[in-house]
N, C-alpha and C. Protein backbone atom coordinates (compact mmCIF):
# COMPACT_ATOMS: atom_id res chain seq x y z
N TRP A 1 11.10 -11.10 3.11
CA TRP A 1 9.99 -11.77 2.88
C TRP A 1 9.83 -13.02 3.48
N PRO A 2 10.24 -13.63 3.54
CA PRO A 2 9.80 -15.11 4.06
C PRO A 2 9.38 -15.07 5.11
N ALA A 3 9.28 -14.17 5.82
CA ALA A 3 8.76 -13.97 7.02
C ALA A 3 6.95 -13.36 6.96
N VAL A 4 6.89 -12.97 5.74
CA VAL A 4 5.69 -12.81 5.75
C VAL A 4 5.13 -13.47 4.17
N THR A 5 3.66 -12.94 4.53
CA THR A 5 3.37 -13.76 2.62
C THR A 5 3.11 -12.52 1.45
N PRO A 6 4.08 -11.69 0.79
CA PRO A 6 3.25 -10.19 0.63
C PRO A 6 2.54 -10.98 -1.18
N ARG A 7 2.12 -10.27 -1.41
CA ARG A 7 2.28 -10.55 -3.30
C ARG A 7 2.91 -10.31 -3.79
N THR A 8 2.85 -9.01 -3.40
CA THR A 8 4.17 -8.35 -4.43
C THR A 8 5.37 -8.31 -3.68
N VAL A 9 6.56 -7.76 -4.26
CA VAL A 9 7.83 -7.23 -3.71
C VAL A 9 8.54 -6.38 -4.70
N VAL A 10 8.81 -4.92 -4.53
CA VAL A 10 9.59 -4.40 -5.40
C VAL A 10 10.74 -4.05 -5.04
N GLY A 11 11.78 -4.18 -5.93
CA GLY A 11 13.22 -4.29 -5.98
C GLY A 11 13.63 -2.75 -5.94
N LEU A 12 14.03 -1.59 -5.18
CA LEU A 12 14.91 -0.55 -5.52
C LEU A 12 15.99 -0.76 -5.42
N THR A 13 16.43 -1.98 -5.54
CA THR A 13 17.79 -2.40 -5.54
C THR A 13 17.83 -3.49 -6.16
N PRO A 14 18.79 -4.27 -7.06
CA PRO A 14 18.77 -5.19 -7.56
C PRO A 14 18.71 -6.63 -6.31
N PHE A 15 18.08 -7.51 -6.86
CA PHE A 15 18.01 -8.45 -6.23
C PHE A 15 18.77 -10.09 -6.38
N GLU A 16 19.32 -10.87 -5.31
CA GLU A 16 19.83 -11.95 -5.46
C GLU A 16 19.50 -13.00 -6.77
N PRO A 17 19.62 -13.52 -7.62
CA PRO A 17 18.78 -13.98 -8.76
C PRO A 17 18.34 -15.60 -8.13
N ALA A 18 18.90 -15.86 -6.72
CA ALA A 18 18.19 -17.39 -5.90
C ALA A 18 17.00 -16.44 -5.41
N GLU A 19 17.13 -15.18 -4.54
CA GLU A 19 15.86 -14.50 -4.06
C GLU A 19 14.43 -14.24 -4.99
N VAL A 20 15.14 -13.71 -6.29
CA VAL A 20 14.21 -14.12 -7.24
C VAL A 20 13.36 -15.38 -7.82
N ARG A 21 14.45 -16.31 -7.84
CA ARG A 21 13.48 -17.29 -8.23
C ARG A 21 12.69 -17.98 -6.60
N ALA A 22 13.40 -17.71 -5.64
CA ALA A 22 12.61 -18.31 -4.52
C ALA A 22 10.88 -17.33 -4.10
N MET A 23 11.13 -16.33 -4.46
CA MET A 23 10.14 -15.49 -4.48
C MET A 23 9.20 -15.67 -5.67
N ARG A 24 9.22 -16.01 -6.75
CA ARG A 24 8.40 -16.61 -7.87
C ARG A 24 8.07 -17.59 -7.47
N GLN A 25 8.65 -18.84 -6.98
CA GLN A 25 8.36 -19.97 -6.50
C GLN A 25 7.23 -20.08 -5.73
N ALA A 26 7.41 -19.11 -5.08
CA ALA A 26 6.42 -18.74 -3.83
C ALA A 26 5.10 -18.21 -4.17
N GLY A 27 4.72 -17.78 -5.42
CA GLY A 27 4.04 -17.03 -6.15
C GLY A 27 3.93 -15.61 -5.75
N ILE A 28 4.74 -14.99 -5.39
CA ILE A 28 4.89 -13.62 -5.48
C ILE A 28 5.55 -12.99 -6.70
N GLN A 29 4.85 -11.98 -6.89
CA GLN A 29 5.31 -11.07 -8.03
C GLN A 29 6.41 -10.26 -7.49
N VAL A 30 7.34 -10.11 -8.78
CA VAL A 30 8.60 -9.50 -8.18
C VAL A 30 8.78 -8.28 -9.56
N VAL A 31 9.45 -7.19 -9.05
CA VAL A 31 8.82 -6.17 -9.68
C VAL A 31 9.96 -5.53 -9.65
N GLY A 32 10.99 -4.98 -10.43
CA GLY A 32 12.22 -3.98 -10.52
C GLY A 32 13.50 -4.49 -10.66
N ASP A 33 13.68 -5.69 -11.35
CA ASP A 33 14.89 -6.68 -11.34
C ASP A 33 14.48 -7.62 -12.95
N ASP A 34 15.31 -7.51 -13.58
CA ASP A 34 14.94 -8.41 -14.89
C ASP A 34 16.40 -9.09 -14.42
N VAL A 35 15.48 -10.62 -13.93
CA VAL A 35 16.46 -11.88 -13.75
C VAL A 35 16.52 -12.46 -15.19
N ASP A 36 16.00 -12.19 -15.85
CA ASP A 36 16.50 -12.90 -17.58
C ASP A 36 17.36 -12.60 -18.03
N THR A 37 17.12 -11.55 -18.06
CA THR A 37 18.89 -10.99 -18.66
C THR A 37 19.65 -10.51 -18.22
N GLY A 38 19.40 -10.48 -17.15
CA GLY A 38 20.72 -10.13 -15.82
C GLY A 38 21.11 -8.61 -15.14
N ARG A 39 19.76 -7.52 -16.13
CA ARG A 39 19.89 -6.43 -15.98
C ARG A 39 19.13 -5.87 -14.86
N GLU A 40 19.69 -4.99 -14.70
CA GLU A 40 18.62 -4.31 -13.28
C GLU A 40 17.71 -3.21 -14.04
N ALA A 41 16.47 -3.26 -13.79
CA ALA A 41 15.56 -2.64 -14.08
C ALA A 41 15.49 -1.20 -14.24
N THR A 42 15.45 -0.25 -14.92
CA THR A 42 15.19 0.96 -14.60
C THR A 42 13.73 1.48 -13.76
N VAL A 43 14.01 2.19 -12.99
CA VAL A 43 13.30 2.66 -11.85
C VAL A 43 13.26 4.17 -11.45
N VAL A 44 12.44 4.98 -12.59
CA VAL A 44 12.38 6.44 -12.28
C VAL A 44 12.32 6.62 -10.86
N ASP A 45 11.03 6.35 -10.37
CA ASP A 45 10.66 6.98 -9.57
C ASP A 45 9.51 5.66 -8.79
N PRO A 46 10.27 5.42 -7.82
CA PRO A 46 9.04 3.78 -7.45
C PRO A 46 7.90 4.46 -6.77
N GLN A 47 7.75 5.63 -6.18
CA GLN A 47 6.92 6.14 -4.89
C GLN A 47 5.40 6.17 -5.79
N PRO A 48 5.57 6.46 -7.01
CA PRO A 48 4.17 6.24 -7.82
C PRO A 48 3.67 5.57 -8.11
N LEU A 49 4.34 3.94 -8.69
CA LEU A 49 4.19 2.58 -8.12
C LEU A 49 3.83 2.03 -7.32
N ILE A 50 4.27 2.37 -6.17
CA ILE A 50 3.76 2.00 -4.85
C ILE A 50 2.23 1.98 -4.49
N GLY A 51 1.85 3.33 -4.80
CA GLY A 51 1.05 3.64 -4.95
C GLY A 51 -0.32 3.06 -5.78
N ARG A 52 0.17 3.01 -7.17
CA ARG A 52 -0.54 2.31 -7.98
C ARG A 52 -0.65 0.84 -7.56
N LEU A 53 0.21 0.06 -7.11
CA LEU A 53 -0.12 -1.18 -6.67
C LEU A 53 -0.74 -1.13 -5.73
N GLN A 54 -0.98 -0.08 -4.54
CA GLN A 54 -2.03 -0.23 -3.51
C GLN A 54 -3.12 -0.15 -4.24
N ALA A 55 -3.10 0.47 -4.95
CA ALA A 55 -4.70 0.88 -5.36
C ALA A 55 -5.19 -0.01 -6.47
N ASP A 56 -4.57 -0.91 -6.92
CA ASP A 56 -4.96 -1.77 -8.03
C ASP A 56 -5.40 -2.90 -7.09
N ARG A 57 -4.82 -3.62 -6.08
CA ARG A 57 -5.11 -4.64 -5.63
C ARG A 57 -6.32 -4.33 -4.43
N LEU A 58 -6.46 -2.73 -4.04
CA LEU A 58 -8.00 -2.55 -3.32
C LEU A 58 -9.11 -3.09 -4.66
N VAL A 59 -8.67 -2.19 -5.75
CA VAL A 59 -9.74 -2.64 -6.21
C VAL A 59 -9.74 -3.83 -6.98
N ALA A 60 -9.04 -4.63 -7.18
CA ALA A 60 -8.81 -5.92 -7.21
C ALA A 60 -9.66 -6.69 -6.74
N THR A 61 -9.98 -6.29 -5.21
CA THR A 61 -10.26 -7.06 -4.11
C THR A 61 -12.08 -5.96 -4.17
N GLY A 62 -12.42 -5.38 -5.05
CA GLY A 62 -14.12 -4.92 -4.94
C GLY A 62 -14.08 -3.46 -4.69
N CYS A 63 -12.72 -2.80 -4.21
CA CYS A 63 -13.29 -1.65 -3.58
C CYS A 63 -13.53 -0.52 -4.95
N ARG A 64 -14.62 0.24 -4.31
CA ARG A 64 -14.67 1.33 -5.64
C ARG A 64 -14.93 2.40 -4.93
N ARG A 65 -14.56 3.14 -3.78
CA ARG A 65 -14.06 3.98 -3.16
C ARG A 65 -12.86 4.08 -2.09
N ILE A 66 -11.81 4.79 -2.70
CA ILE A 66 -10.62 4.47 -2.06
C ILE A 66 -10.05 5.91 -1.40
N GLY A 67 -9.85 5.75 -0.34
CA GLY A 67 -9.45 6.52 0.84
C GLY A 67 -7.44 6.43 0.75
N TYR A 68 -6.72 7.40 1.73
CA TYR A 68 -5.34 7.54 1.26
C TYR A 68 -5.22 8.04 2.83
N ALA A 69 -4.45 7.21 3.57
CA ALA A 69 -4.09 7.49 4.73
C ALA A 69 -2.91 8.04 4.61
N THR A 70 -2.04 9.48 4.33
CA THR A 70 -1.07 10.19 4.20
C THR A 70 -0.28 10.02 5.95
N THR A 71 0.57 10.39 5.78
CA THR A 71 1.41 11.06 7.12
C THR A 71 1.17 12.07 7.15
N ASP A 72 1.80 12.21 8.82
CA ASP A 72 1.54 13.50 9.41
C ASP A 72 2.93 14.01 9.04
N ASP A 73 3.97 13.46 9.30
CA ASP A 73 5.50 13.50 9.16
C ASP A 73 5.93 14.58 8.30
N PRO A 74 6.08 15.58 8.82
CA PRO A 74 7.00 16.33 7.62
C PRO A 74 8.05 15.76 7.17
N ARG A 75 8.61 14.88 7.51
CA ARG A 75 10.49 14.73 6.85
C ARG A 75 10.02 13.43 5.84
N VAL A 76 8.62 13.13 5.57
CA VAL A 76 8.57 11.90 4.48
C VAL A 76 7.33 12.23 3.56
N ALA A 77 6.83 13.83 4.18
CA ALA A 77 5.68 14.19 3.10
C ALA A 77 5.69 13.98 1.80
N ASP A 78 6.98 14.00 1.21
CA ASP A 78 7.27 13.97 -0.26
C ASP A 78 7.04 12.93 -1.08
N PHE A 79 7.55 11.83 -0.35
CA PHE A 79 7.50 10.12 -0.22
C PHE A 79 5.93 9.74 -0.42
N ALA A 80 5.09 10.41 0.91
CA ALA A 80 3.85 10.39 0.72
C ALA A 80 3.14 10.70 -0.67
N GLU A 81 3.32 12.33 -0.93
CA GLU A 81 2.79 12.92 -1.76
C GLU A 81 2.96 11.84 -3.24
N ARG A 82 4.41 11.57 -3.48
CA ARG A 82 4.59 11.00 -4.64
C ARG A 82 3.65 9.16 -5.02
N ARG A 83 3.59 9.04 -3.36
CA ARG A 83 2.94 7.83 -3.62
C ARG A 83 0.96 7.83 -3.81
N LEU A 84 0.77 9.07 -3.36
CA LEU A 84 -0.85 9.41 -3.73
C LEU A 84 -1.09 9.47 -4.72
N SER A 85 0.38 10.21 -5.50
CA SER A 85 0.15 10.15 -7.29
C SER A 85 0.32 9.20 -8.11
N GLY A 86 0.28 8.06 -7.59
CA GLY A 86 0.12 6.77 -7.95
C GLY A 86 -1.28 6.37 -7.68
N VAL A 87 -2.04 6.43 -6.77
CA VAL A 87 -3.20 5.87 -6.16
C VAL A 87 -4.14 6.73 -7.05
N ARG A 88 -4.05 8.14 -7.17
CA ARG A 88 -4.75 9.06 -8.18
C ARG A 88 -4.80 8.49 -9.60
N ALA A 89 -3.67 8.06 -9.88
CA ALA A 89 -3.41 7.63 -11.25
C ALA A 89 -4.56 6.60 -11.35
N ALA A 90 -4.50 5.58 -10.39
CA ALA A 90 -5.35 4.21 -10.51
C ALA A 90 -6.41 4.14 -10.52
N CYS A 91 -6.96 5.18 -9.51
CA CYS A 91 -8.45 5.69 -9.25
C CYS A 91 -8.64 6.52 -10.88
N VAL A 92 -8.06 7.05 -11.67
CA VAL A 92 -8.42 7.70 -12.71
C VAL A 92 -8.63 6.15 -13.60
N GLU A 93 -7.90 5.62 -13.59
CA GLU A 93 -7.33 4.36 -14.76
C GLU A 93 -8.65 3.71 -14.31
N HIS A 94 -9.30 3.20 -13.39
CA HIS A 94 -10.50 2.68 -12.73
C HIS A 94 -11.59 2.94 -13.16
N GLY A 95 -11.79 4.32 -13.69
CA GLY A 95 -13.04 5.05 -13.68
C GLY A 95 -13.58 5.53 -11.90
N LEU A 96 -12.81 5.25 -10.92
CA LEU A 96 -13.29 5.54 -9.38
C LEU A 96 -12.92 7.09 -9.31
N PRO A 97 -13.66 7.58 -8.49
CA PRO A 97 -13.88 9.15 -7.85
C PRO A 97 -11.95 9.38 -7.32
N GLU A 98 -12.18 10.36 -7.10
CA GLU A 98 -10.49 11.03 -6.36
C GLU A 98 -10.59 10.35 -5.10
N PRO A 99 -9.21 9.72 -4.42
CA PRO A 99 -9.41 9.03 -3.22
C PRO A 99 -9.63 10.34 -1.94
N VAL A 100 -10.16 10.07 -0.82
CA VAL A 100 -10.47 10.58 0.25
C VAL A 100 -8.63 10.79 1.21
N VAL A 101 -8.55 11.88 1.17
CA VAL A 101 -6.84 12.03 1.93
C VAL A 101 -6.83 12.33 2.75
N ILE A 102 -6.32 11.62 4.21
CA ILE A 102 -6.64 12.17 5.21
C ILE A 102 -5.32 11.92 5.89
N PRO A 103 -4.51 12.90 6.95
CA PRO A 103 -3.42 12.41 7.60
C PRO A 103 -3.62 11.74 8.66
N VAL A 104 -3.06 10.80 8.53
CA VAL A 104 -3.06 9.99 10.30
C VAL A 104 -1.91 9.80 10.92
N ARG A 105 -2.04 9.95 12.22
CA ARG A 105 -1.21 9.91 13.36
C ARG A 105 -0.83 8.79 13.65
N VAL A 106 0.20 8.07 14.10
CA VAL A 106 0.38 6.62 14.32
C VAL A 106 -0.15 6.60 15.71
N ASP A 107 -1.64 6.76 15.94
CA ASP A 107 -2.02 6.50 17.01
C ASP A 107 -3.41 5.55 17.06
N PRO A 108 -4.00 4.81 17.53
CA PRO A 108 -5.22 4.49 17.58
C PRO A 108 -6.28 5.53 17.29
N ALA A 109 -6.39 6.47 18.00
CA ALA A 109 -7.21 7.93 18.22
C ALA A 109 -7.32 8.28 17.00
N ALA A 110 -6.42 8.80 16.39
CA ALA A 110 -6.15 9.50 15.12
C ALA A 110 -6.70 8.57 13.90
N GLY A 111 -6.57 7.27 13.95
CA GLY A 111 -7.20 6.05 13.37
C GLY A 111 -8.64 6.28 13.17
N ALA A 112 -8.93 6.08 14.30
CA ALA A 112 -10.63 6.17 14.45
C ALA A 112 -11.44 7.75 13.95
N GLU A 113 -10.56 8.38 14.01
CA GLU A 113 -10.85 9.63 13.55
C GLU A 113 -11.09 9.41 12.02
N ALA A 114 -10.31 9.30 11.31
CA ALA A 114 -9.34 8.97 10.01
C ALA A 114 -10.95 8.04 9.08
N VAL A 115 -11.00 6.98 10.11
CA VAL A 115 -11.94 5.68 9.84
C VAL A 115 -13.33 6.25 10.28
N ALA A 116 -14.00 7.30 11.15
CA ALA A 116 -15.30 7.74 10.77
C ALA A 116 -15.29 8.61 9.75
N ALA A 117 -14.36 9.26 9.11
CA ALA A 117 -14.61 10.21 8.31
C ALA A 117 -14.47 9.28 6.49
N TRP A 118 -13.83 8.42 6.44
CA TRP A 118 -14.37 7.42 5.68
C TRP A 118 -15.27 7.11 5.52
N THR A 119 -15.85 6.45 6.93
CA THR A 119 -16.91 6.34 6.52
C THR A 119 -17.93 6.69 6.15
N GLN A 120 -17.88 8.26 6.64
CA GLN A 120 -19.02 9.29 6.24
C GLN A 120 -18.94 9.21 4.84
N ALA A 121 -17.75 8.71 3.88
CA ALA A 121 -17.68 9.27 2.64
C ALA A 121 -17.73 7.98 1.91
N ASP A 122 -17.94 7.34 2.72
CA ASP A 122 -18.53 5.57 1.71
C ASP A 122 -17.28 5.27 1.14
N VAL A 123 -15.77 5.24 1.79
CA VAL A 123 -14.69 4.43 1.45
C VAL A 123 -14.64 3.37 1.75
N ASP A 124 -14.57 2.03 1.06
CA ASP A 124 -14.51 1.25 1.63
C ASP A 124 -13.05 0.49 1.17
N GLY A 125 -11.96 1.29 0.75
CA GLY A 125 -10.48 0.78 0.84
C GLY A 125 -9.64 1.57 1.02
N VAL A 126 -8.49 1.54 1.94
CA VAL A 126 -7.28 2.33 2.40
C VAL A 126 -6.17 1.74 1.87
N ALA A 127 -5.34 2.49 1.46
CA ALA A 127 -4.18 2.61 1.00
C ALA A 127 -3.26 3.66 1.95
N ALA A 128 -2.69 2.81 2.87
CA ALA A 128 -1.75 3.54 3.48
C ALA A 128 -0.16 3.88 3.48
N TYR A 129 0.03 5.07 3.90
CA TYR A 129 1.50 5.53 3.22
C TYR A 129 2.84 4.36 3.47
N ASN A 130 2.23 3.92 4.88
CA ASN A 130 3.39 2.73 5.12
C ASN A 130 2.78 1.60 6.22
N ASP A 131 3.50 0.92 6.91
CA ASP A 131 2.27 0.05 7.62
C ASP A 131 2.30 0.84 9.13
N GLU A 132 3.30 1.25 9.47
CA GLU A 132 2.53 2.18 10.82
C GLU A 132 1.31 2.92 10.75
N VAL A 133 1.24 3.92 9.69
CA VAL A 133 0.25 4.14 9.40
C VAL A 133 -1.01 3.38 9.27
N ALA A 134 -0.82 2.56 8.76
CA ALA A 134 -2.06 1.09 8.43
C ALA A 134 -2.67 0.99 9.78
N PHE A 135 -1.33 0.38 10.30
CA PHE A 135 -1.88 -0.04 11.81
C PHE A 135 -2.68 0.86 12.64
N ALA A 136 -2.65 2.10 12.43
CA ALA A 136 -3.34 3.49 13.22
C ALA A 136 -4.97 2.97 12.53
N VAL A 137 -4.84 2.91 11.32
CA VAL A 137 -6.13 2.83 10.74
C VAL A 137 -6.79 1.33 10.75
N LEU A 138 -6.12 0.06 11.11
CA LEU A 138 -6.37 -0.79 11.26
C LEU A 138 -7.14 -0.75 12.85
N ALA A 139 -6.48 -0.20 13.90
CA ALA A 139 -7.00 0.33 15.12
C ALA A 139 -7.92 1.12 15.21
N GLY A 140 -8.20 1.98 14.03
CA GLY A 140 -9.72 3.08 14.04
C GLY A 140 -10.80 2.26 13.62
N ALA A 141 -10.50 1.26 12.61
CA ALA A 141 -11.69 0.32 12.33
C ALA A 141 -12.12 -0.32 13.45
N ARG A 142 -11.13 -1.13 13.99
CA ARG A 142 -11.57 -2.18 15.00
C ARG A 142 -12.53 -0.83 16.07
N ALA A 143 -11.98 0.04 16.76
CA ALA A 143 -12.78 0.90 17.48
C ALA A 143 -13.97 1.33 16.98
N GLY A 144 -14.21 1.26 15.66
CA GLY A 144 -15.39 1.99 15.14
C GLY A 144 -16.28 0.61 14.90
N GLY A 145 -15.86 -0.71 15.41
CA GLY A 145 -16.55 -1.86 15.05
C GLY A 145 -16.88 -2.18 13.70
N LEU A 146 -15.88 -1.96 12.64
CA LEU A 146 -15.62 -2.43 11.38
C LEU A 146 -14.87 -3.99 11.13
N ALA A 147 -15.77 -4.43 10.23
CA ALA A 147 -14.80 -5.70 10.12
C ALA A 147 -13.95 -5.60 8.68
N VAL A 148 -12.44 -5.50 9.01
CA VAL A 148 -11.30 -5.74 8.23
C VAL A 148 -11.13 -6.93 7.61
N PRO A 149 -11.37 -7.42 6.04
CA PRO A 149 -11.75 -6.62 5.01
C PRO A 149 -12.39 -6.48 4.50
N ALA A 150 -14.12 -7.13 5.26
CA ALA A 150 -15.24 -6.87 4.95
C ALA A 150 -16.07 -5.48 4.77
N ASP A 151 -15.76 -4.66 5.94
CA ASP A 151 -16.36 -3.41 5.42
C ASP A 151 -15.12 -2.49 4.90
N LEU A 152 -13.93 -2.56 5.29
CA LEU A 152 -12.99 -1.66 5.17
C LEU A 152 -11.49 -2.49 4.87
N ALA A 153 -11.02 -2.81 3.48
CA ALA A 153 -10.21 -3.11 3.34
C ALA A 153 -8.79 -2.21 3.39
N VAL A 154 -7.64 -2.77 4.14
CA VAL A 154 -6.63 -2.25 4.33
C VAL A 154 -5.25 -2.42 3.85
N ILE A 155 -4.57 -1.47 2.93
CA ILE A 155 -3.41 -2.05 3.00
C ILE A 155 -2.24 -0.80 2.91
N GLY A 156 -1.15 -1.72 3.59
CA GLY A 156 0.12 -0.60 3.81
C GLY A 156 1.33 -1.15 3.20
N VAL A 157 2.24 -0.53 3.55
CA VAL A 157 3.95 -0.26 2.63
C VAL A 157 5.04 -0.81 3.51
N LEU A 158 5.62 -1.67 3.43
CA LEU A 158 7.27 -1.86 4.40
C LEU A 158 7.81 -1.78 3.83
N GLN A 159 8.87 -1.12 3.84
CA GLN A 159 10.59 -1.07 3.12
C GLN A 159 11.26 -1.88 4.01
N ALA A 160 11.67 -3.24 3.36
CA ALA A 160 12.34 -4.28 4.29
C ALA A 160 14.09 -3.85 3.91
N ALA A 161 14.98 -4.51 4.33
CA ALA A 161 16.00 -4.72 4.26
C ALA A 161 16.69 -5.16 2.71
N GLY A 162 17.39 -3.62 2.17
CA GLY A 162 18.40 -4.18 0.49
C GLY A 162 17.17 -3.43 -0.02
N ASP A 163 16.24 -2.25 0.27
CA ASP A 163 15.18 -1.38 -0.19
C ASP A 163 14.01 -2.40 -0.98
N GLN A 164 13.74 -3.52 -0.23
CA GLN A 164 12.94 -4.49 -1.32
C GLN A 164 11.36 -3.94 -0.22
N LEU A 165 10.39 -3.92 -1.06
CA LEU A 165 9.15 -3.49 -0.74
C LEU A 165 8.23 -4.55 -0.69
N LEU A 166 7.33 -4.20 0.31
CA LEU A 166 6.56 -5.59 0.89
C LEU A 166 5.23 -4.75 0.60
N LEU A 167 4.17 -5.23 0.20
CA LEU A 167 2.50 -4.65 0.25
C LEU A 167 2.19 -5.68 1.02
N LEU A 168 1.48 -5.20 2.20
CA LEU A 168 1.15 -5.82 3.49
C LEU A 168 -0.49 -5.70 3.29
N VAL A 169 -1.13 -6.68 3.01
CA VAL A 169 -2.66 -6.27 3.20
C VAL A 169 -3.55 -6.59 4.24
N ALA A 170 -4.52 -6.51 5.00
CA ALA A 170 -4.76 -7.46 5.79
C ALA A 170 -5.61 -8.54 5.36
N PRO A 171 -6.04 -9.46 5.96
CA PRO A 171 -6.47 -10.81 5.92
C PRO A 171 -7.59 -10.76 5.27
N ASP A 172 -7.58 -11.41 3.87
CA ASP A 172 -9.06 -11.63 2.96
C ASP A 172 -9.13 -13.10 3.12
């Protein structure tokens, strides 16, 4: 987390207390560890939470139609589907339509195809399964002449060392 500027870090395992203090001092929201009591927070399934955090961030920046860039990799399809459930729940909570879901291979051409489809559907924010998929979406936005995040906001997910989660948002 010190190498990037995340808005939120989700711990799937306990953080060291000094790490939590440093993140909070840097203005980063820390989820998944209760340092005040010293007890590890119970996280039943973090995947929907990840999707919810992504969608909430997109909505907070003004997005009204969300797309979900899922993976085409069957080995992680279950994770992607559970993250999508969190995006869907956030859309319902915010009174938004169902997200427009498109599988995106990790290459610029696939990103361009997906961005073109989202543009047709008036999508103004995309939650990507992970940062690799987000990079394909960003390449597709660039190829389509879209400004990020003005025309299309994009948010990805990077699982870092120690099972901490970083939500990476394209510059705003």
